[in-house]
C-alpha atoms as a PDB file:
ATOM      1  CA  MET A   1     -14.902  31.458  -5.552  1.00  0.00           C
ATOM      2  CA  GLY A   2     -15.639  34.038  -3.320  1.00  0.00           C
ATOM      3  CA  GLU A   3     -18.953  33.252  -3.878  1.00  0.00           C
ATOM      4  CA  ILE A   4     -19.206  29.697  -3.222  1.00  0.00           C
ATOM      5  CA  LEU A   5     -17.136  29.738  -0.151  1.00  0.00           C
ATOM      6  CA  GLY A   6     -19.851  32.298   0.840  1.00  0.00           C
ATOM      7  CA  ILE A   7     -22.556  29.966  -0.130  1.00  0.00           C
ATOM      8  CA  LEU A   8     -20.643  27.106   1.854  1.00  0.00           C
ATOM      9  CA  LYS A   9     -20.490  29.418   5.038  1.00  0.00           C
ATOM     10  CA  ASP A  10     -23.950  30.411   4.727  1.00  0.00           C
ATOM     11  CA  ALA A  11     -25.425  26.768   4.549  1.00  0.00           C
ATOM     12  CA  PHE A  12     -22.722  25.457   7.302  1.00  0.00           C
ATOM     13  CA  PHE A  13     -24.341  28.452   9.920  1.00  0.00           C
ATOM     14  CA  GLN A  14     -27.920  27.177   8.769  1.00  0.00           C
ATOM     15  CA  SER A  15     -27.220  23.213   9.753  1.00  0.00           C
ATOM     16  CA  ASP A  16     -27.945  22.217  13.194  1.00  0.00           C
ATOM     17  CA  ILE A  17     -25.357  21.482  15.703  1.00  0.00           C
ATOM     18  CA  VAL A  18     -25.366  17.570  14.068  1.00  0.00           C
ATOM     19  CA  GLY A  19     -24.731  18.511  10.595  1.00  0.00           C
ATOM     20  CA  ARG A  20     -22.047  20.660  11.502  1.00  0.00           C
ATOM     21  CA  LEU A  21     -20.187  17.688  13.558  1.00  0.00           C
ATOM     22  CA  ILE A  22     -20.506  15.905  10.586  1.00  0.00           C
ATOM     23  CA  VAL A  23     -18.831  18.513   8.476  1.00  0.00           C
ATOM     24  CA  ILE A  24     -16.208  19.143  10.625  1.00  0.00           C
ATOM     25  CA  LEU A  25     -15.654  15.522  10.854  1.00  0.00           C
ATOM     26  CA  LEU A  26     -15.333  15.091   7.015  1.00  0.00           C
ATOM     27  CA  GLY A  27     -13.291  17.895   6.660  1.00  0.00           C
ATOM     28  CA  MET A  28     -10.905  15.913   9.125  1.00  0.00           C
ATOM     29  CA  ALA A  29     -11.229  12.891   7.091  1.00  0.00           C
ATOM     30  CA  SER A  30     -10.222  15.057   4.082  1.00  0.00           C
ATOM     31  CA  VAL A  31      -6.749  16.400   5.593  1.00  0.00           C
ATOM     32  CA  ALA A  32      -6.345  12.239   7.016  1.00  0.00           C
ATOM     33  CA  ALA A  33      -7.210  11.400   3.044  1.00  0.00           C
ATOM     34  CA  TRP A  34      -4.806  14.039   1.432  1.00  0.00           C
ATOM     35  CA  SER A  35      -2.106  13.107   3.517  1.00  0.00           C
ATOM     36  CA  ILE A  36      -1.904   9.442   3.047  1.00  0.00           C
ATOM     37  CA  MET A  37      -2.415  10.001  -0.593  1.00  0.00           C
ATOM     38  CA  LEU A  38       0.500  12.233  -0.682  1.00  0.00           C
ATOM     39  CA  TYR A  39       2.289  10.240   1.697  1.00  0.00           C
ATOM     40  CA  LYS A  40       1.868   6.480   0.120  1.00  0.00           C
ATOM     41  CA  GLY A  41       2.105   7.697  -3.638  1.00  0.00           C
ATOM     42  CA  TRP A  42       5.464   9.334  -2.949  1.00  0.00           C
ATOM     43  CA  GLN A  43       6.556   5.964  -0.640  1.00  0.00           C
ATOM     44  CA  VAL A  44       5.299   3.342  -3.601  1.00  0.00           C
ATOM     45  CA  MET A  45       6.339   5.003  -6.433  1.00  0.00           C
ATOM     46  CA  SER A  46       9.438   4.814  -4.846  1.00  0.00           C
ATOM     47  CA  LEU A  47       9.401   1.521  -3.975  1.00  0.00           C
ATOM     48  CA  TYR A  48       7.864   0.941  -7.677  1.00  0.00           C
ATOM     49  CA  LYS A  49      11.073   2.561  -9.198  1.00  0.00           C
ATOM     50  CA  SER A  50      13.691   0.392  -6.933  1.00  0.00           C
ATOM     51  CA  CYS A  51      12.118  -2.465  -8.004  1.00  0.00           C
ATOM     52  CA  GLN A  52      12.655  -1.724 -11.608  1.00  0.00           C
ATOM     53  CA  GLU A  53      15.749  -0.811 -11.365  1.00  0.00           C
ATOM     54  CA  PHE A  54      16.745  -4.052  -9.604  1.00  0.00           C
ATOM     55  CA  ILE A  55      14.865  -6.328 -11.569  1.00  0.00           C
ATOM     56  CA  LYS A  56      17.187  -4.560 -15.176  1.00  0.00           C
ATOM     57  CA  GLU A  57      19.816  -5.588 -12.293  1.00  0.00           C
ATOM     58  CA  PHE A  58      19.089  -9.299 -12.387  1.00  0.00           C
ATOM     59  CA  ASP A  59      18.158  -9.598 -16.344  1.00  0.00           C
ATOM     60  CA  SER A  60      22.036  -7.885 -17.453  1.00  0.00           C
ATOM     61  CA  THR A  61      23.769 -10.444 -14.870  1.00  0.00           C
ATOM     62  CA  GLY A  62      21.908 -13.653 -16.445  1.00  0.00           C
ATOM     63  CA  SER A  63      22.927 -15.193 -12.738  1.00  0.00           C
ATOM     64  CA  ALA A  64      20.709 -15.347  -9.445  1.00  0.00           C
ATOM     65  CA  LEU A  65      24.078 -15.906  -7.543  1.00  0.00           C
ATOM     66  CA  ALA A  66      25.971 -12.680  -8.745  1.00  0.00           C
ATOM     67  CA  LEU A  67      23.629 -10.704  -7.018  1.00  0.00           C
ATOM     68  CA  GLY A  68      24.135 -12.408  -3.532  1.00  0.00           C
ATOM     69  CA  TYR A  69      27.726  -9.714  -3.492  1.00  0.00           C
ATOM     70  CA  ARG A  70      26.125  -6.779  -4.135  1.00  0.00           C
ATOM     71  CA  LEU A  71      22.671  -6.599  -2.279  1.00  0.00           C
ATOM     72  CA  ASP A  72      21.181  -3.678   0.089  1.00  0.00           C
ATOM     73  CA  PRO A  73      18.051  -4.579   1.825  1.00  0.00           C
ATOM     74  CA  GLU A  74      17.314  -0.959   2.726  1.00  0.00           C
ATOM     75  CA  ARG A  75      17.468  -0.266  -0.521  1.00  0.00           C
ATOM     76  CA  GLY A  76      13.924  -1.432  -1.845  1.00  0.00           C
ATOM     77  CA  PRO A  77      11.743  -4.115  -1.469  1.00  0.00           C
ATOM     78  CA  LEU A  78      12.896  -6.826  -3.831  1.00  0.00           C
ATOM     79  CA  GLN A  79      16.658  -6.840  -2.498  1.00  0.00           C
ATOM     80  CA  SER A  80      15.337  -7.686   0.662  1.00  0.00           C
ATOM     81  CA  VAL A  81      13.095 -10.291  -0.686  1.00  0.00           C
ATOM     82  CA  CYS A  82      16.263 -11.505  -2.429  1.00  0.00           C
ATOM     83  CA  GLN A  83      18.490 -11.136   0.430  1.00  0.00           C
ATOM     84  CA  ALA A  84      15.968 -13.735   2.339  1.00  0.00           C
ATOM     85  CA  GLY A  85      16.262 -16.250  -0.260  1.00  0.00           C
ATOM     86  CA  PHE A  86      20.282 -15.922  -0.098  1.00  0.00           C
ATOM     87  CA  ASP A  87      20.077 -16.638   3.304  1.00  0.00           C
ATOM     88  CA  ALA A  88      18.138 -19.512   3.149  1.00  0.00           C
ATOM     89  CA  LEU A  89      20.562 -20.714   0.645  1.00  0.00           C
ATOM     90  CA  MET A  90      23.490 -19.915   2.484  1.00  0.00           C
ATOM     91  CA  GLU A  91      21.737 -22.340   5.660  1.00  0.00           C
ATOM     92  CA  ALA A  92      20.786 -24.957   3.247  1.00  0.00           C
ATOM     93  CA  LEU A  93      24.552 -24.514   2.251  1.00  0.00           C
ATOM     94  CA  GLU A  94      26.109 -24.650   5.761  1.00  0.00           C
ATOM     95  CA  PRO A  95      23.483 -25.835   7.916  1.00  0.00           C
ATOM     96  CA  ASP A  96      26.300 -26.619  10.945  1.00  0.00           C
ATOM     97  CA  GLY A  97      26.946 -23.049  10.936  1.00  0.00           C
ATOM     98  CA  GLY A  98      30.101 -22.827   8.724  1.00  0.00           C
ATOM     99  CA  ALA A  99      33.156 -20.069   9.556  1.00  0.00           C
ATOM    100  CA  MET A 100      32.384 -17.984  11.902  1.00  0.00           C
ATOM    101  CA  GLY A 101      33.798 -14.582  11.495  1.00  0.00           C
ATOM    102  CA  GLY A 102      34.327 -12.625   8.410  1.00  0.00           C
ATOM    103  CA  ARG A 103      31.994 -10.373   6.400  1.00  0.00           C
ATOM    104  CA  TYR A 104      29.372 -12.403   6.018  1.00  0.00           C
ATOM    105  CA  GLY A 105      29.433 -14.084   9.217  1.00  0.00           C
ATOM    106  CA  LYS A 106      28.727 -17.969   9.454  1.00  0.00           C
ATOM    107  CA  PHE A 107      27.691 -17.889   5.477  1.00  0.00           C
ATOM    108  CA  ALA A 108      31.330 -16.983   5.461  1.00  0.00           C
ATOM    109  CA  ALA A 109      32.301 -20.385   3.495  1.00  0.00           C
ATOM    110  CA  PRO A 110      29.639 -21.351   1.410  1.00  0.00           C
ATOM    111  CA  ARG A 111      30.046 -17.761   0.000  1.00  0.00           C
ATOM    112  CA  ARG A 112      33.387 -17.695  -0.917  1.00  0.00           C
ATOM    113  CA  ALA A 113      32.638 -21.243  -2.782  1.00  0.00           C
ATOM    114  CA  MET A 114      30.171 -19.418  -4.719  1.00  0.00           C
ATOM    115  CA  THR A 115      32.755 -16.809  -5.918  1.00  0.00           C
ATOM    116  CA  TYR A 116      32.618 -18.203  -9.371  1.00  0.00           C
ATOM    117  CA  THR A 117      28.661 -17.706  -9.425  1.00  0.00           C
ATOM    118  CA  GLU A 118      28.751 -21.599  -8.788  1.00  0.00           C
ATOM    119  CA  LEU A 119      26.768 -23.634  -6.393  1.00  0.00           C
ATOM    120  CA  PRO A 120      29.492 -25.529  -4.384  1.00  0.00           C
ATOM    121  CA  ARG A 121      26.971 -28.908  -4.518  1.00  0.00           C
ATOM    122  CA  GLN A 122      23.655 -29.603  -5.916  1.00  0.00           C
ATOM    123  CA  LEU A 123      20.490 -28.382  -3.894  1.00  0.00           C
ATOM    124  CA  THR A 124      17.857 -30.706  -3.488  1.00  0.00           C
ATOM    125  CA  GLU A 125      13.921 -29.558  -4.183  1.00  0.00           C
ATOM    126  CA  ALA A 126      13.282 -29.573  -0.867  1.00  0.00           C
ATOM    127  CA  GLU A 127      16.037 -26.996  -0.361  1.00  0.00           C
ATOM    128  CA  ILE A 128      14.725 -25.037  -3.455  1.00  0.00           C
ATOM    129  CA  GLU A 129      11.262 -24.771  -1.715  1.00  0.00           C
ATOM    130  CA  LYS A 130      12.830 -23.635   1.537  1.00  0.00           C
ATOM    131  CA  VAL A 131      14.530 -20.805  -0.286  1.00  0.00           C
ATOM    132  CA  ARG A 132      11.034 -20.132  -2.013  1.00  0.00           C
ATOM    133  CA  ALA A 133       9.035 -19.881   0.782  1.00  0.00           C
ATOM    134  CA  SER A 134      12.090 -17.895   3.061  1.00  0.00           C
ATOM    135  CA  MET A 135      11.022 -15.367  -0.273  1.00  0.00           C
ATOM    136  CA  THR A 136       7.491 -15.802  -0.344  1.00  0.00           C
ATOM    137  CA  ARG A 137       7.954 -14.843   3.525  1.00  0.00           C
ATOM    138  CA  ARG A 138       9.657 -11.458   3.111  1.00  0.00           C
ATOM    139  CA  LEU A 139       7.900 -10.595   0.024  1.00  0.00           C
ATOM    140  CA  ASN A 140       4.365 -10.937   2.422  1.00  0.00           C
ATOM    141  CA  ILE A 141       6.167  -9.306   5.076  1.00  0.00           C
ATOM    142  CA  GLN A 142       7.164  -6.038   2.044  1.00  0.00           C
ATOM    143  CA  ARG A 143       3.204  -6.244   1.008  1.00  0.00           C
ATOM    144  CA  MET A 144       2.099  -5.577   4.213  1.00  0.00           C
ATOM    145  CA  GLN A 145       4.285  -2.601   4.585  1.00  0.00           C
ATOM    146  CA  MET A 146       2.998  -0.870   1.479  1.00  0.00           C
ATOM    147  CA  MET A 147      -0.695  -1.514   2.153  1.00  0.00           C
ATOM    148  CA  ASP A 148       0.019   0.017   5.921  1.00  0.00           C
ATOM    149  CA  GLN A 149      -2.502   2.921   6.255  1.00  0.00           C
ATOM    150  CA  MET A 150      -4.319   2.059   3.013  1.00  0.00           C
ATOM    151  CA  VAL A 151      -7.243   0.877   5.195  1.00  0.00           C
ATOM    152  CA  ILE A 152      -7.668   4.313   6.667  1.00  0.00           C
ATOM    153  CA  LEU A 153      -7.609   5.631   2.914  1.00  0.00           C
ATOM    154  CA  SER A 154     -10.597   3.117   2.174  1.00  0.00           C
ATOM    155  CA  THR A 155     -12.533   3.474   5.059  1.00  0.00           C
ATOM    156  CA  ILE A 156     -12.488   7.059   4.225  1.00  0.00           C
ATOM    157  CA  VAL A 157     -13.569   6.634   0.992  1.00  0.00           C
ATOM    158  CA  SER A 158     -16.427   4.382   1.713  1.00  0.00           C
ATOM    159  CA  LEU A 159     -17.817   5.906   4.559  1.00  0.00           C
ATOM    160  CA  SER A 160     -17.734   9.770   3.580  1.00  0.00           C
ATOM    161  CA  PRO A 161     -20.349   9.599   0.936  1.00  0.00           C
ATOM    162  CA  PHE A 162     -22.702   7.415   3.857  1.00  0.00           C
ATOM    163  CA  CYS A 163     -21.728  10.396   6.058  1.00  0.00           C
ATOM    164  CA  GLY A 164     -23.222  12.791   3.732  1.00  0.00           C
ATOM    165  CA  LEU A 165     -25.968  10.858   3.299  1.00  0.00           C
ATOM    166  CA  PHE A 166     -26.677  10.345   7.221  1.00  0.00           C
ATOM    167  CA  GLY A 167     -26.232  14.371   7.484  1.00  0.00           C
ATOM    168  CA  THR A 168     -28.584  15.245   4.636  1.00  0.00           C
ATOM    169  CA  VAL A 169     -31.337  12.900   5.863  1.00  0.00           C
ATOM    170  CA  TRP A 170     -31.207  14.076   9.493  1.00  0.00           C
ATOM    171  CA  GLY A 171     -31.221  17.706   8.380  1.00  0.00           C
ATOM    172  CA  VAL A 172     -34.498  17.077   6.135  1.00  0.00           C
ATOM    173  CA  MET A 173     -35.746  14.954   8.770  1.00  0.00           C
ATOM    174  CA  MET A 174     -35.167  18.034  11.622  1.00  0.00           C
ATOM    175  CA  THR A 175     -36.708  20.704   9.082  1.00  0.00           C
ATOM    176  CA  PHE A 176     -39.982  18.804   8.815  1.00  0.00           C
ATOM    177  CA  VAL A 177     -39.747  18.039  12.331  1.00  0.00           C
ATOM    178  CA  GLN A 178     -39.738  21.590  13.244  1.00  0.00           C
ATOM    179  CA  LEU A 179     -42.335  22.637  10.400  1.00  0.00           C
ATOM    180  CA  ALA A 180     -44.605  19.905  12.012  1.00  0.00           C
ATOM    181  CA  ALA A 181     -44.523  21.248  15.522  1.00  0.00           C
ATOM    182  CA  GLN A 182     -45.756  24.648  13.897  1.00  0.00           C
ATOM    183  CA  GLN A 183     -49.610  23.230  14.558  1.00  0.00           C
ATOM    184  CA  GLY A 184     -51.148  23.429  11.271  1.00  0.00           C
ATOM    185  CA  LYS A 185     -49.500  26.643  10.204  1.00  0.00           C
ATOM    186  CA  LYS A 186     -49.075  26.829   6.435  1.00  0.00           C
ATOM    187  CA  ALA A 187     -45.446  26.281   5.821  1.00  0.00           C
ATOM    188  CA  ASP A 188     -43.477  28.184   2.862  1.00  0.00           C
ATOM    189  CA  LEU A 189     -40.600  28.123   1.079  1.00  0.00           C
ATOM    190  CA  GLY A 190     -38.707  30.510   3.279  1.00  0.00           C
ATOM    191  CA  GLN A 191     -39.038  27.904   6.006  1.00  0.00           C
ATOM    192  CA  LEU A 192     -37.801  25.387   3.959  1.00  0.00           C
ATOM    193  CA  ALA A 193     -34.713  26.465   2.514  1.00  0.00           C
ATOM    194  CA  PRO A 194     -32.606  27.179   5.612  1.00  0.00           C
ATOM    195  CA  GLY A 195     -32.684  23.650   6.995  1.00  0.00           C
ATOM    196  CA  VAL A 196     -32.819  21.796   3.606  1.00  0.00           C
ATOM    197  CA  SER A 197     -29.929  24.051   2.411  1.00  0.00           C
ATOM    198  CA  GLY A 198     -27.771  23.278   5.569  1.00  0.00           C
ATOM    199  CA  ALA A 199     -28.914  19.713   5.712  1.00  0.00           C
ATOM    200  CA  LEU A 200     -27.926  18.993   1.557  1.00  0.00           C
ATOM    201  CA  LEU A 201     -24.193  20.404   2.898  1.00  0.00           C
ATOM    202  CA  THR A 202     -23.186  17.609   4.260  1.00  0.00           C
ATOM    203  CA  THR A 203     -23.936  14.852   1.079  1.00  0.00           C
ATOM    204  CA  VAL A 204     -21.383  17.836  -1.069  1.00  0.00           C
ATOM    205  CA  VAL A 205     -18.828  17.717   1.765  1.00  0.00           C
ATOM    206  CA  GLY A 206     -18.971  14.046   1.845  1.00  0.00           C
ATOM    207  CA  LEU A 207     -18.963  13.845  -1.996  1.00  0.00           C
ATOM    208  CA  LEU A 208     -15.887  16.552  -2.124  1.00  0.00           C
ATOM    209  CA  VAL A 209     -14.129  14.241   0.029  1.00  0.00           C
ATOM    210  CA  ALA A 210     -14.574  10.813  -0.729  1.00  0.00           C
ATOM    211  CA  ILE A 211     -14.243  11.792  -5.085  1.00  0.00           C
ATOM    212  CA  PRO A 212     -10.380  12.767  -4.806  1.00  0.00           C
ATOM    213  CA  SER A 213      -9.940   9.972  -2.396  1.00  0.00           C
ATOM    214  CA  VAL A 214     -11.047   7.442  -4.588  1.00  0.00           C
ATOM    215  CA  PHE A 215      -8.796   8.444  -7.235  1.00  0.00           C
ATOM    216  CA  GLY A 216      -5.849   8.841  -4.816  1.00  0.00           C
ATOM    217  CA  ASN A 217      -6.939   5.311  -3.207  1.00  0.00           C
ATOM    218  CA  ASN A 218      -6.861   3.492  -6.923  1.00  0.00           C
ATOM    219  CA  ILE A 219      -3.920   5.191  -8.189  1.00  0.00           C
ATOM    220  CA  ILE A 220      -1.588   3.588  -5.050  1.00  0.00           C
ATOM    221  CA  MET A 221      -3.153  -0.231  -5.376  1.00  0.00           C
ATOM    222  CA  SER A 222      -2.925  -0.336  -8.797  1.00  0.00           C
ATOM    223  CA  VAL A 223       1.460   0.753  -8.133  1.00  0.00           C
ATOM    224  CA  ILE A 224       1.391  -1.716  -4.763  1.00  0.00           C
ATOM    225  CA  ASP A 225      -0.378  -4.135  -7.330  1.00  0.00           C
ATOM    226  CA  LYS A 226       2.010  -4.486 -10.180  1.00  0.00           C
ATOM    227  CA  THR A 227       4.699  -4.102  -7.375  1.00  0.00           C
ATOM    228  CA  CYS A 228       3.534  -6.893  -6.010  1.00  0.00           C
ATOM    229  CA  ALA A 229       3.183  -8.684  -9.194  1.00  0.00           C
ATOM    230  CA  ASP A 230       6.559  -7.699 -10.088  1.00  0.00           C
ATOM    231  CA  MET A 231       7.942  -9.103  -6.794  1.00  0.00           C
ATOM    232  CA  ASP A 232       5.613 -12.589  -7.237  1.00  0.00           C
ATOM    233  CA  THR A 233       7.599 -12.544 -10.393  1.00  0.00           C
ATOM    234  CA  PHE A 234      11.071 -11.801  -9.484  1.00  0.00           C
ATOM    235  CA  VAL A 235      10.613 -15.204  -6.934  1.00  0.00           C
ATOM    236  CA  ASP A 236      10.227 -17.429  -9.534  1.00  0.00           C
ATOM    237  CA  ASP A 237      12.729 -16.069 -12.074  1.00  0.00           C
ATOM    238  CA  PHE A 238      15.121 -16.270  -8.866  1.00  0.00           C
ATOM    239  CA  LEU A 239      14.358 -19.917  -8.240  1.00  0.00           C
ATOM    240  CA  ALA A 240      14.615 -21.097 -12.078  1.00  0.00           C
ATOM    241  CA  SER A 241      18.076 -19.580 -12.485  1.00  0.00           C
ATOM    242  CA  LEU A 242      19.073 -20.855  -9.064  1.00  0.00           C
ATOM    243  CA  ARG A 243      18.039 -24.244 -10.790  1.00  0.00           C
ATOM    244  CA  LEU A 244      20.247 -23.617 -14.177  1.00  0.00           C
ATOM    245  CA  GLU A 245      23.265 -22.455 -11.726  1.00  0.00           C
ATOM    246  CA  ARG A 246      22.774 -25.784 -10.311  1.00  0.00           C
ATOM    247  CA  VAL A 247      22.801 -27.768 -13.696  1.00  0.00           C
ATOM    248  CA  LYS A 248      25.812 -25.521 -14.974  1.00  0.00           C
ATOM    249  CA  GLY A 249      27.359 -26.336 -12.163  1.00  0.00           C
ATOM    250  CA  GLN A 250      27.240 -29.821 -12.655  1.00  0.00           C
ATOM    251  CA  GLN A 251      28.044 -30.175 -15.997  1.00  0.00           C
ATOM    252  CA  GLU A 252      31.099 -28.026 -15.449  1.00  0.00           C
ATOM    253  CA  GLY A 253      32.164 -29.969 -12.452  1.00  0.00           C
END
């Protein structure tokens, strides 16, 4: 390991100012990439687990309305999406504001009417679509929050190899320019080796930055896609359950 570091050190000092700047920039990009991967990896895994737990809770209750009494939007993105749906539902049931005060403010009256997980009246298809639109809007907000900083990681993945390649091409070009300036003197390997080794260093560093970043980016994006797919499915399941609640209330009423 020490020998490899020594070789890289020698190559760094044999490169020109452009090559050194590229290596330094790639090092900074590597630090940024690892910071984003560690932070976003922990964040999206936590959000994914919270969504899975809420889906299990929804499946165990068997009622969309029963969820409204124990929602905490701070516990995860799916609870926030569900809360948006309930807010739109309450507005549809009580468009004039309802009773003021109490735990739920203007929505206290319709929530009391839903104490036994039954809708106080039938919902129209327009009202169902309003609930869907509210949940979809909140879902998109949650998706954008999960995607925050991922564009930086994707940019590092894409640009790192190109920056390394540019440094290599530049270093090799400058090596041959210097040889050409010797006005026909015979060149040997000793003259070429320092410039070429310094030039190739940028490609090595660029790949060392890009390869782990590709793995991290793909894993994080996979978890984000799974989480968003679960939320999309939950919206459909929630509205389907809401329609069943409406039919059940109609039959038992």
